[in-house]
Amino acid sequence: MSTNESESQDSTAIIEAGDDGVILDDSPEWEGPFTEFNQYGQPTGHTYVRCPECGIEVLESDTPTASHRPACRFK
């Protein structure tokens, strides 16, 4: 761990920025949500979103663990 990192109770690294530090959000602005349909054209009750960069589609609740394609800048 570097000198500006500490560890939280759940072992997640916390980076403490200086007063003039800027926190950048590099997560994608997901397109959607879209209604998910089953093979019979009926709504499943779930919604999905699409990455604007690589087009990967994931359930709306699974965006934090999405596996983007290799060339995607959000991977």
Protein backbone atom coordinates (compact mmCIF):
# COMPACT_ATOMS: atom_id res chain seq x y z
CA MET A 1 0.00 0.00 0.00
CA SER A 2 1.29 3.48 -0.76
CA THR A 3 1.55 6.22 1.86
CA ASN A 4 -1.76 7.81 0.82
CA GLU A 5 -3.80 4.60 1.10
CA SER A 6 -5.39 3.08 4.17
CA GLU A 7 -7.46 -0.04 4.63
CA SER A 8 -11.13 0.00 5.62
CA GLN A 9 -12.82 -2.60 7.81
CA ASP A 10 -13.87 -4.68 4.79
CA SER A 11 -10.28 -4.62 3.38
CA THR A 12 -11.16 -2.14 0.61
CA ALA A 13 -8.34 0.31 -0.10
CA ILE A 14 -9.25 3.92 0.63
CA ILE A 15 -7.24 6.60 -1.13
CA GLU A 16 -7.09 9.89 0.70
CA ALA A 17 -6.56 12.75 -1.76
CA GLY A 18 -5.00 16.05 -0.79
CA ASP A 19 -7.03 19.27 -0.59
CA ASP A 20 -6.62 19.99 -4.30
CA GLY A 21 -7.20 16.38 -5.41
CA VAL A 22 -9.88 15.58 -7.96
CA ILE A 23 -11.88 12.36 -7.86
CA LEU A 24 -12.68 11.10 -11.34
CA ASP A 25 -15.61 8.80 -11.98
CA ASP A 26 -14.46 6.52 -14.79
CA SER A 27 -17.56 4.36 -14.85
CA PRO A 28 -19.60 4.38 -18.06
CA GLU A 29 -22.85 6.24 -18.50
CA TRP A 30 -24.90 3.12 -19.21
CA GLU A 31 -27.52 3.28 -21.99
CA GLY A 32 -30.95 2.16 -20.91
CA PRO A 33 -32.55 0.63 -18.96
CA PHE A 34 -34.23 -1.66 -21.46
CA THR A 35 -36.91 -4.23 -20.67
CA GLU A 36 -35.69 -7.82 -20.92
CA PHE A 37 -37.92 -10.24 -22.83
CA ASN A 38 -37.86 -14.04 -22.82
CA GLN A 39 -37.85 -16.28 -25.90
CA TYR A 40 -41.64 -15.93 -26.19
CA GLY A 41 -41.61 -12.14 -26.23
CA GLN A 42 -42.91 -11.80 -22.68
CA PRO A 43 -41.24 -9.36 -20.24
CA THR A 44 -39.12 -11.16 -17.64
CA GLY A 45 -39.47 -8.46 -14.99
CA HIS A 46 -35.79 -7.53 -15.30
CA THR A 47 -34.10 -4.61 -17.02
CA TYR A 48 -30.68 -4.46 -18.65
CA VAL A 49 -28.29 -1.70 -19.65
CA ARG A 50 -25.70 -1.41 -22.43
CA CYS A 51 -22.15 -0.02 -22.29
CA PRO A 52 -21.86 2.89 -24.77
CA GLU A 53 -18.25 1.99 -25.59
CA CYS A 54 -18.24 -1.79 -26.19
CA GLY A 55 -21.95 -2.66 -26.30
CA ILE A 56 -21.85 -5.28 -23.53
CA GLU A 57 -25.29 -5.81 -22.01
CA VAL A 58 -25.79 -6.66 -18.33
CA LEU A 59 -28.69 -6.71 -15.93
CA GLU A 60 -29.09 -3.30 -14.35
CA SER A 61 -28.14 -4.64 -10.91
CA ASP A 62 -24.89 -6.21 -12.21
CA THR A 63 -23.16 -3.09 -13.59
CA PRO A 64 -20.42 -2.99 -10.92
CA THR A 65 -19.21 -6.48 -11.93
CA ALA A 66 -19.66 -6.18 -15.70
CA SER A 67 -16.93 -7.75 -17.83
CA HIS A 68 -16.27 -5.28 -20.64
CA ARG A 69 -14.74 -6.33 -23.94
CA PRO A 70 -10.90 -6.14 -24.21
CA ALA A 71 -10.77 -2.90 -26.23
CA CYS A 72 -13.26 -1.07 -23.97
CA ARG A 73 -11.85 1.84 -21.99
CA PHE A 74 -14.12 0.94 -19.05
CA LYS A 75 -12.72 -2.57 -18.49
